[in-house]
Amino acid sequence: TLDSLLGDIPTGSQVQLWNGAGFDVYAKTPFGAGWSPADGDTVELAPGIGAFVTVAGADMTKTWVGDVLTGDLSNPIDSGFSFKGNQAPVAGNADDLGLSAVLATGDQIQKWNGGGYDVFAKTPFGIGWSPSVPEIAVAEGFFIVSAADTSWDQTFNP
């Protein structure tokens, strides 16, 4: 949940979660359940879901420790915009992570660069992506723009 993962971020910080049409915004507050709206303390933030976190005040680093998902992992991708991340704690390019195989020509990966988006489009020729094969870091969220519903399936057994 937001509260278990980000309950100690400073008051005034915000978490933005994609709902399929826009962002649901949860603000850290010093009262009540600690979030506004109040259901923010129970909102699920699971591996494979992307989120924007804006920390009020100074930068901070968060480290989470626990069990990772293993075995057969399935991350559904809806047609249109989805905000995703790798369910496994593995970095690599879209080809190596198996994401390229489930996206069609014309689909996109959009990565936030701090001031806008770097857009990578799936192509039917060359390296399969323009301008290059997108690199995905551990715990990095990114938009997928897909023409059809699909699923990013992986097997992770460290």
N, C-alpha and C. Protein backbone atom coordinates (compact mmCIF):
# COMPACT_ATOMS: atom_id res chain seq x y z
N THR A 1 0.84 -1.19 0.00
CA THR A 1 0.00 0.00 0.00
C THR A 1 0.88 1.25 0.00
N LEU A 2 0.28 2.38 -0.36
CA LEU A 2 1.04 3.63 -0.30
C LEU A 2 1.58 3.87 1.11
N ASP A 3 0.73 3.60 2.10
CA ASP A 3 1.15 3.88 3.47
C ASP A 3 2.33 3.00 3.90
N SER A 4 2.31 1.73 3.53
CA SER A 4 3.41 0.85 3.94
C SER A 4 4.71 1.16 3.19
N LEU A 5 4.59 1.64 1.96
CA LEU A 5 5.79 1.93 1.17
C LEU A 5 6.27 3.37 1.30
N LEU A 6 5.32 4.31 1.45
CA LEU A 6 5.68 5.73 1.42
C LEU A 6 5.10 6.52 2.58
N GLY A 7 4.71 5.83 3.64
CA GLY A 7 4.08 6.49 4.78
C GLY A 7 4.97 7.48 5.50
N ASP A 8 6.29 7.38 5.30
CA ASP A 8 7.21 8.29 6.00
C ASP A 8 7.70 9.45 5.13
N ILE A 9 7.11 9.63 3.94
CA ILE A 9 7.52 10.78 3.14
C ILE A 9 6.99 12.05 3.79
N PRO A 10 7.62 13.19 3.55
CA PRO A 10 7.22 14.43 4.23
C PRO A 10 5.80 14.89 3.88
N THR A 11 5.18 15.56 4.82
CA THR A 11 3.89 16.20 4.60
C THR A 11 3.99 17.12 3.39
N GLY A 12 2.97 17.09 2.55
CA GLY A 12 2.97 17.91 1.33
C GLY A 12 3.47 17.16 0.11
N SER A 13 4.06 15.99 0.32
CA SER A 13 4.50 15.17 -0.82
C SER A 13 3.28 14.60 -1.52
N GLN A 14 3.45 14.24 -2.79
CA GLN A 14 2.34 13.68 -3.56
C GLN A 14 2.75 12.41 -4.29
N VAL A 15 1.78 11.52 -4.46
CA VAL A 15 1.94 10.33 -5.27
C VAL A 15 0.85 10.37 -6.33
N GLN A 16 1.24 10.19 -7.59
CA GLN A 16 0.29 10.19 -8.70
C GLN A 16 0.26 8.80 -9.32
N LEU A 17 -0.94 8.23 -9.35
CA LEU A 17 -1.14 6.89 -9.91
C LEU A 17 -2.07 6.99 -11.11
N TRP A 18 -1.70 6.35 -12.21
CA TRP A 18 -2.48 6.37 -13.44
C TRP A 18 -3.73 5.52 -13.26
N ASN A 19 -4.88 6.04 -13.67
CA ASN A 19 -6.15 5.31 -13.53
C ASN A 19 -6.73 4.88 -14.88
N GLY A 20 -5.98 5.06 -15.95
CA GLY A 20 -6.44 4.71 -17.29
C GLY A 20 -6.88 5.89 -18.11
N ALA A 21 -7.20 7.00 -17.44
CA ALA A 21 -7.64 8.21 -18.14
C ALA A 21 -6.93 9.46 -17.64
N GLY A 22 -6.30 9.37 -16.52
CA GLY A 22 -5.60 10.49 -15.88
C GLY A 22 -4.97 10.01 -14.59
N PHE A 23 -4.54 10.94 -13.78
CA PHE A 23 -3.87 10.57 -12.54
C PHE A 23 -4.77 10.75 -11.33
N ASP A 24 -4.76 9.78 -10.43
CA ASP A 24 -5.30 9.96 -9.09
C ASP A 24 -4.15 10.49 -8.25
N VAL A 25 -4.39 11.59 -7.54
CA VAL A 25 -3.33 12.24 -6.76
C VAL A 25 -3.62 12.04 -5.29
N TYR A 26 -2.61 11.56 -4.58
CA TYR A 26 -2.68 11.36 -3.14
C TYR A 26 -1.62 12.24 -2.48
N ALA A 27 -2.06 13.07 -1.55
CA ALA A 27 -1.16 14.00 -0.87
C ALA A 27 -0.93 13.52 0.56
N LYS A 28 0.31 13.58 1.02
CA LYS A 28 0.66 13.22 2.40
C LYS A 28 0.23 14.36 3.30
N THR A 29 -0.55 14.03 4.36
CA THR A 29 -1.06 15.04 5.28
C THR A 29 -0.66 14.70 6.72
N PRO A 30 -0.68 15.69 7.61
CA PRO A 30 -0.30 15.43 9.01
C PRO A 30 -1.48 14.99 9.88
N PHE A 31 -2.62 14.70 9.29
CA PHE A 31 -3.79 14.39 10.11
C PHE A 31 -4.57 13.22 9.51
N GLY A 32 -5.55 12.73 10.26
CA GLY A 32 -6.40 11.65 9.77
C GLY A 32 -5.61 10.40 9.44
N ALA A 33 -5.91 9.82 8.28
CA ALA A 33 -5.23 8.60 7.84
C ALA A 33 -3.84 8.89 7.29
N GLY A 34 -3.48 10.19 7.22
CA GLY A 34 -2.17 10.56 6.72
C GLY A 34 -2.12 10.85 5.24
N TRP A 35 -3.26 10.68 4.57
CA TRP A 35 -3.33 10.90 3.13
C TRP A 35 -4.62 11.63 2.78
N SER A 36 -4.57 12.40 1.72
CA SER A 36 -5.77 13.02 1.18
C SER A 36 -5.81 12.70 -0.31
N PRO A 37 -6.87 12.04 -0.78
CA PRO A 37 -8.01 11.57 -0.03
C PRO A 37 -7.62 10.47 0.97
N ALA A 38 -8.50 10.27 1.96
CA ALA A 38 -8.19 9.40 3.10
C ALA A 38 -7.91 7.95 2.70
N ASP A 39 -8.44 7.48 1.56
CA ASP A 39 -8.19 6.09 1.18
C ASP A 39 -6.77 5.87 0.67
N GLY A 40 -5.97 6.92 0.61
CA GLY A 40 -4.58 6.77 0.16
C GLY A 40 -3.79 5.78 0.98
N ASP A 41 -4.14 5.61 2.26
CA ASP A 41 -3.39 4.68 3.10
C ASP A 41 -3.61 3.23 2.68
N THR A 42 -4.67 2.94 1.91
CA THR A 42 -4.97 1.56 1.51
C THR A 42 -4.78 1.32 0.01
N VAL A 43 -4.37 2.34 -0.73
CA VAL A 43 -4.19 2.19 -2.18
C VAL A 43 -3.01 1.27 -2.46
N GLU A 44 -3.23 0.32 -3.35
CA GLU A 44 -2.21 -0.67 -3.69
C GLU A 44 -1.16 -0.08 -4.63
N LEU A 45 0.10 -0.30 -4.32
CA LEU A 45 1.22 0.06 -5.20
C LEU A 45 2.10 -1.19 -5.30
N ALA A 46 1.75 -2.05 -6.24
CA ALA A 46 2.40 -3.35 -6.37
C ALA A 46 3.51 -3.31 -7.41
N PRO A 47 4.43 -4.27 -7.37
CA PRO A 47 5.45 -4.35 -8.42
C PRO A 47 4.81 -4.40 -9.80
N GLY A 48 5.36 -3.64 -10.73
CA GLY A 48 4.86 -3.59 -12.08
C GLY A 48 3.94 -2.41 -12.35
N ILE A 49 3.60 -1.64 -11.31
CA ILE A 49 2.77 -0.45 -11.45
C ILE A 49 3.68 0.78 -11.36
N GLY A 50 3.54 1.70 -12.30
CA GLY A 50 4.32 2.94 -12.28
C GLY A 50 3.63 4.00 -11.45
N ALA A 51 4.41 4.92 -10.89
CA ALA A 51 3.87 6.03 -10.11
C ALA A 51 4.85 7.20 -10.18
N PHE A 52 4.30 8.41 -10.10
CA PHE A 52 5.12 9.59 -9.92
C PHE A 52 5.07 9.95 -8.44
N VAL A 53 6.24 10.19 -7.84
CA VAL A 53 6.31 10.62 -6.45
C VAL A 53 7.03 11.95 -6.41
N THR A 54 6.36 12.97 -5.89
CA THR A 54 6.95 14.29 -5.73
C THR A 54 7.15 14.51 -4.24
N VAL A 55 8.40 14.58 -3.81
CA VAL A 55 8.72 14.72 -2.39
C VAL A 55 8.83 16.19 -2.04
N ALA A 56 8.09 16.60 -1.00
CA ALA A 56 8.16 17.97 -0.52
C ALA A 56 9.47 18.17 0.23
N GLY A 57 10.14 19.28 -0.01
CA GLY A 57 11.39 19.56 0.68
C GLY A 57 12.57 18.93 -0.03
N ALA A 58 13.52 18.45 0.74
CA ALA A 58 14.77 17.91 0.21
C ALA A 58 14.54 16.55 -0.46
N ASP A 59 15.42 16.23 -1.41
CA ASP A 59 15.39 14.91 -2.03
C ASP A 59 15.56 13.84 -0.96
N MET A 60 15.02 12.67 -1.24
CA MET A 60 15.22 11.56 -0.31
C MET A 60 15.37 10.27 -1.11
N THR A 61 16.01 9.30 -0.51
CA THR A 61 16.18 7.99 -1.11
C THR A 61 15.39 6.99 -0.30
N LYS A 62 14.65 6.13 -1.00
CA LYS A 62 13.87 5.07 -0.35
C LYS A 62 14.46 3.74 -0.75
N THR A 63 14.65 2.87 0.22
CA THR A 63 15.11 1.51 -0.04
C THR A 63 14.11 0.55 0.59
N TRP A 64 13.62 -0.38 -0.22
CA TRP A 64 12.69 -1.37 0.28
C TRP A 64 13.37 -2.72 0.32
N VAL A 65 13.09 -3.48 1.35
CA VAL A 65 13.66 -4.80 1.53
C VAL A 65 12.51 -5.78 1.72
N GLY A 66 12.62 -6.92 1.08
CA GLY A 66 11.56 -7.92 1.24
C GLY A 66 11.69 -8.99 0.19
N ASP A 67 10.70 -9.80 0.10
CA ASP A 67 10.67 -10.87 -0.88
C ASP A 67 10.31 -10.31 -2.25
N VAL A 68 10.97 -10.82 -3.28
CA VAL A 68 10.63 -10.41 -4.64
C VAL A 68 9.69 -11.44 -5.25
N LEU A 69 8.94 -11.01 -6.24
CA LEU A 69 8.07 -11.94 -6.96
C LEU A 69 8.94 -12.89 -7.76
N THR A 70 8.60 -14.16 -7.73
CA THR A 70 9.35 -15.16 -8.50
C THR A 70 8.37 -16.05 -9.25
N GLY A 71 8.92 -16.81 -10.18
CA GLY A 71 8.10 -17.72 -10.97
C GLY A 71 7.56 -17.03 -12.20
N ASP A 72 6.36 -17.43 -12.59
CA ASP A 72 5.71 -16.87 -13.77
C ASP A 72 5.01 -15.57 -13.38
N LEU A 73 5.42 -14.46 -13.98
CA LEU A 73 4.88 -13.14 -13.68
C LEU A 73 4.09 -12.65 -14.88
N SER A 74 2.94 -12.06 -14.64
CA SER A 74 2.10 -11.54 -15.70
C SER A 74 1.70 -10.11 -15.36
N ASN A 75 2.00 -9.19 -16.28
CA ASN A 75 1.69 -7.77 -16.08
C ASN A 75 0.79 -7.35 -17.24
N PRO A 76 -0.54 -7.31 -17.02
CA PRO A 76 -1.45 -6.96 -18.12
C PRO A 76 -1.24 -5.53 -18.61
N ILE A 77 -1.31 -5.36 -19.92
CA ILE A 77 -1.16 -4.05 -20.56
C ILE A 77 -2.47 -3.78 -21.29
N ASP A 78 -3.17 -2.73 -20.87
CA ASP A 78 -4.43 -2.36 -21.51
C ASP A 78 -4.15 -1.58 -22.79
N SER A 79 -5.09 -1.63 -23.74
CA SER A 79 -4.96 -0.79 -24.92
C SER A 79 -5.03 0.67 -24.47
N GLY A 80 -4.37 1.53 -25.22
CA GLY A 80 -4.25 2.93 -24.81
C GLY A 80 -3.04 3.10 -23.92
N PHE A 81 -3.14 3.97 -22.94
CA PHE A 81 -2.02 4.26 -22.04
C PHE A 81 -2.06 3.35 -20.82
N SER A 82 -0.92 2.78 -20.46
CA SER A 82 -0.71 2.05 -19.21
C SER A 82 0.56 2.58 -18.59
N PHE A 83 0.60 2.65 -17.26
CA PHE A 83 1.80 3.11 -16.55
C PHE A 83 2.38 1.89 -15.84
N LYS A 84 3.48 1.38 -16.35
CA LYS A 84 4.00 0.09 -15.92
C LYS A 84 5.45 0.19 -15.43
N GLY A 85 5.93 -0.93 -14.94
CA GLY A 85 7.31 -1.13 -14.54
C GLY A 85 7.57 -2.62 -14.57
N ASN A 86 8.82 -3.00 -14.46
CA ASN A 86 9.17 -4.41 -14.45
C ASN A 86 8.80 -5.01 -13.10
N GLN A 87 8.08 -6.12 -13.09
CA GLN A 87 7.73 -6.78 -11.84
C GLN A 87 8.94 -7.44 -11.19
N ALA A 88 9.94 -7.78 -11.99
CA ALA A 88 11.16 -8.40 -11.47
C ALA A 88 12.22 -7.32 -11.26
N PRO A 89 13.06 -7.46 -10.25
CA PRO A 89 14.10 -6.46 -10.00
C PRO A 89 15.30 -6.64 -10.94
N VAL A 90 15.04 -6.43 -12.23
CA VAL A 90 16.04 -6.65 -13.27
C VAL A 90 16.02 -5.46 -14.23
N ALA A 91 17.20 -4.95 -14.56
CA ALA A 91 17.33 -3.89 -15.56
C ALA A 91 17.69 -4.52 -16.90
N GLY A 92 17.37 -3.83 -17.97
CA GLY A 92 17.75 -4.29 -19.29
C GLY A 92 16.98 -3.52 -20.35
N ASN A 93 17.20 -3.90 -21.60
CA ASN A 93 16.43 -3.22 -22.64
C ASN A 93 15.13 -3.98 -22.90
N ALA A 94 14.23 -3.33 -23.62
CA ALA A 94 12.90 -3.91 -23.85
C ALA A 94 12.97 -5.27 -24.54
N ASP A 95 13.97 -5.47 -25.38
CA ASP A 95 14.13 -6.77 -26.05
C ASP A 95 14.50 -7.85 -25.04
N ASP A 96 15.53 -7.58 -24.24
CA ASP A 96 16.03 -8.56 -23.27
C ASP A 96 15.00 -8.89 -22.20
N LEU A 97 14.14 -7.93 -21.86
CA LEU A 97 13.14 -8.15 -20.82
C LEU A 97 11.85 -8.76 -21.34
N GLY A 98 11.78 -9.02 -22.66
CA GLY A 98 10.61 -9.66 -23.24
C GLY A 98 9.46 -8.73 -23.54
N LEU A 99 9.67 -7.44 -23.35
CA LEU A 99 8.58 -6.49 -23.59
C LEU A 99 8.37 -6.24 -25.08
N SER A 100 9.44 -6.20 -25.84
CA SER A 100 9.32 -5.96 -27.29
C SER A 100 8.45 -7.01 -27.97
N ALA A 101 8.54 -8.23 -27.50
CA ALA A 101 7.83 -9.34 -28.14
C ALA A 101 6.31 -9.21 -28.03
N VAL A 102 5.80 -8.48 -27.04
CA VAL A 102 4.35 -8.40 -26.85
C VAL A 102 3.76 -7.08 -27.36
N LEU A 103 4.63 -6.18 -27.83
CA LEU A 103 4.14 -4.92 -28.38
C LEU A 103 4.15 -4.97 -29.90
N ALA A 104 3.23 -4.26 -30.51
CA ALA A 104 3.06 -4.28 -31.96
C ALA A 104 3.71 -3.05 -32.59
N THR A 105 3.90 -3.12 -33.89
CA THR A 105 4.39 -1.98 -34.65
C THR A 105 3.50 -0.77 -34.36
N GLY A 106 4.13 0.36 -34.05
CA GLY A 106 3.40 1.58 -33.73
C GLY A 106 3.19 1.80 -32.24
N ASP A 107 3.28 0.73 -31.44
CA ASP A 107 3.18 0.90 -29.98
C ASP A 107 4.39 1.69 -29.49
N GLN A 108 4.24 2.30 -28.33
CA GLN A 108 5.29 3.16 -27.80
C GLN A 108 5.60 2.85 -26.34
N ILE A 109 6.84 3.16 -25.97
CA ILE A 109 7.24 3.28 -24.58
C ILE A 109 7.64 4.73 -24.39
N GLN A 110 7.08 5.37 -23.36
CA GLN A 110 7.38 6.77 -23.06
C GLN A 110 7.98 6.85 -21.67
N LYS A 111 9.21 7.40 -21.60
CA LYS A 111 9.93 7.50 -20.34
C LYS A 111 10.11 8.96 -19.94
N TRP A 112 9.74 9.28 -18.72
CA TRP A 112 9.89 10.63 -18.18
C TRP A 112 11.36 10.94 -18.00
N ASN A 113 11.81 12.11 -18.47
CA ASN A 113 13.22 12.48 -18.35
C ASN A 113 13.44 13.67 -17.41
N GLY A 114 12.40 14.07 -16.68
CA GLY A 114 12.51 15.19 -15.75
C GLY A 114 11.89 16.46 -16.29
N GLY A 115 11.72 16.55 -17.60
CA GLY A 115 11.13 17.74 -18.20
C GLY A 115 10.14 17.42 -19.31
N GLY A 116 10.05 16.17 -19.67
CA GLY A 116 9.17 15.71 -20.74
C GLY A 116 9.36 14.22 -20.92
N TYR A 117 8.93 13.71 -22.03
CA TYR A 117 9.02 12.27 -22.27
C TYR A 117 9.95 11.96 -23.43
N ASP A 118 10.77 10.93 -23.25
CA ASP A 118 11.51 10.33 -24.34
C ASP A 118 10.60 9.25 -24.91
N VAL A 119 10.31 9.32 -26.21
CA VAL A 119 9.37 8.42 -26.84
C VAL A 119 10.12 7.42 -27.72
N PHE A 120 9.82 6.15 -27.52
CA PHE A 120 10.42 5.07 -28.29
C PHE A 120 9.27 4.35 -29.00
N ALA A 121 9.32 4.29 -30.32
CA ALA A 121 8.25 3.70 -31.11
C ALA A 121 8.70 2.36 -31.68
N LYS A 122 7.84 1.35 -31.58
CA LYS A 122 8.11 0.03 -32.14
C LYS A 122 7.98 0.12 -33.65
N THR A 123 9.00 -0.36 -34.36
CA THR A 123 9.03 -0.29 -35.82
C THR A 123 9.14 -1.70 -36.41
N PRO A 124 8.78 -1.88 -37.67
CA PRO A 124 8.85 -3.20 -38.29
C PRO A 124 10.21 -3.50 -38.93
N PHE A 125 11.19 -2.62 -38.74
CA PHE A 125 12.45 -2.81 -39.45
C PHE A 125 13.62 -2.41 -38.55
N GLY A 126 14.83 -2.68 -39.03
CA GLY A 126 16.04 -2.29 -38.30
C GLY A 126 16.11 -2.95 -36.93
N ILE A 127 16.40 -2.14 -35.91
CA ILE A 127 16.53 -2.68 -34.56
C ILE A 127 15.17 -2.89 -33.89
N GLY A 128 14.10 -2.51 -34.58
CA GLY A 128 12.76 -2.72 -34.05
C GLY A 128 12.21 -1.57 -33.23
N TRP A 129 13.03 -0.56 -32.99
CA TRP A 129 12.62 0.61 -32.21
C TRP A 129 13.21 1.87 -32.81
N SER A 130 12.50 2.96 -32.69
CA SER A 130 13.03 4.25 -33.11
C SER A 130 12.86 5.23 -31.95
N PRO A 131 13.90 5.94 -31.51
CA PRO A 131 15.22 6.00 -32.13
C PRO A 131 16.16 4.88 -31.71
N SER A 132 15.85 4.17 -30.62
CA SER A 132 16.71 3.09 -30.13
C SER A 132 15.87 2.17 -29.26
N VAL A 133 16.43 1.03 -28.91
CA VAL A 133 15.73 0.11 -28.00
C VAL A 133 15.72 0.75 -26.61
N PRO A 134 14.54 0.93 -26.00
CA PRO A 134 14.50 1.58 -24.69
C PRO A 134 15.13 0.73 -23.59
N GLU A 135 15.88 1.38 -22.73
CA GLU A 135 16.48 0.75 -21.55
C GLU A 135 15.55 0.97 -20.37
N ILE A 136 15.37 -0.05 -19.56
CA ILE A 136 14.48 0.03 -18.41
C ILE A 136 15.29 -0.31 -17.16
N ALA A 137 15.29 0.61 -16.19
CA ALA A 137 16.03 0.43 -14.95
C ALA A 137 15.15 -0.31 -13.93
N VAL A 138 15.79 -0.86 -12.92
CA VAL A 138 15.05 -1.46 -11.81
C VAL A 138 14.21 -0.37 -11.15
N ALA A 139 12.96 -0.67 -10.89
CA ALA A 139 12.01 0.24 -10.21
C ALA A 139 11.68 1.48 -11.03
N GLU A 140 11.89 1.44 -12.33
CA GLU A 140 11.54 2.58 -13.19
C GLU A 140 10.15 2.39 -13.77
N GLY A 141 9.31 3.40 -13.63
CA GLY A 141 7.99 3.39 -14.24
C GLY A 141 8.05 4.06 -15.60
N PHE A 142 7.16 3.65 -16.51
CA PHE A 142 7.12 4.22 -17.85
C PHE A 142 5.74 3.96 -18.44
N PHE A 143 5.37 4.81 -19.38
CA PHE A 143 4.11 4.61 -20.08
C PHE A 143 4.31 3.65 -21.23
N ILE A 144 3.31 2.82 -21.43
CA ILE A 144 3.21 2.00 -22.64
C ILE A 144 1.95 2.46 -23.35
N VAL A 145 2.07 2.78 -24.62
CA VAL A 145 0.92 3.13 -25.45
C VAL A 145 0.75 1.97 -26.43
N SER A 146 -0.32 1.22 -26.23
CA SER A 146 -0.53 -0.01 -27.00
C SER A 146 -1.86 0.06 -27.75
N ALA A 147 -1.87 -0.43 -28.98
CA ALA A 147 -3.09 -0.44 -29.78
C ALA A 147 -4.06 -1.52 -29.33
N ALA A 148 -3.57 -2.53 -28.64
CA ALA A 148 -4.42 -3.64 -28.22
C ALA A 148 -4.02 -4.12 -26.82
N ASP A 149 -4.97 -4.74 -26.14
CA ASP A 149 -4.65 -5.37 -24.86
C ASP A 149 -3.62 -6.46 -25.08
N THR A 150 -2.67 -6.58 -24.16
CA THR A 150 -1.67 -7.63 -24.23
C THR A 150 -1.19 -7.90 -22.81
N SER A 151 -0.18 -8.71 -22.67
CA SER A 151 0.36 -9.01 -21.35
C SER A 151 1.87 -9.19 -21.44
N TRP A 152 2.57 -8.57 -20.51
CA TRP A 152 4.02 -8.71 -20.42
C TRP A 152 4.28 -9.85 -19.44
N ASP A 153 4.57 -11.03 -19.97
CA ASP A 153 4.77 -12.21 -19.17
C ASP A 153 6.26 -12.55 -19.11
N GLN A 154 6.72 -12.87 -17.90
CA GLN A 154 8.12 -13.21 -17.69
C GLN A 154 8.20 -14.37 -16.70
N THR A 155 9.30 -15.08 -16.74
CA THR A 155 9.61 -16.05 -15.70
C THR A 155 10.86 -15.54 -15.01
N PHE A 156 10.76 -15.37 -13.68
CA PHE A 156 11.89 -14.88 -12.90
C PHE A 156 12.16 -15.85 -11.77
N ASN A 157 13.31 -16.51 -11.85
CA ASN A 157 13.76 -17.44 -10.82
C ASN A 157 15.24 -17.17 -10.55
N PRO A 158 15.51 -16.24 -9.61
CA PRO A 158 16.92 -15.87 -9.36
C PRO A 158 17.74 -17.01 -8.78
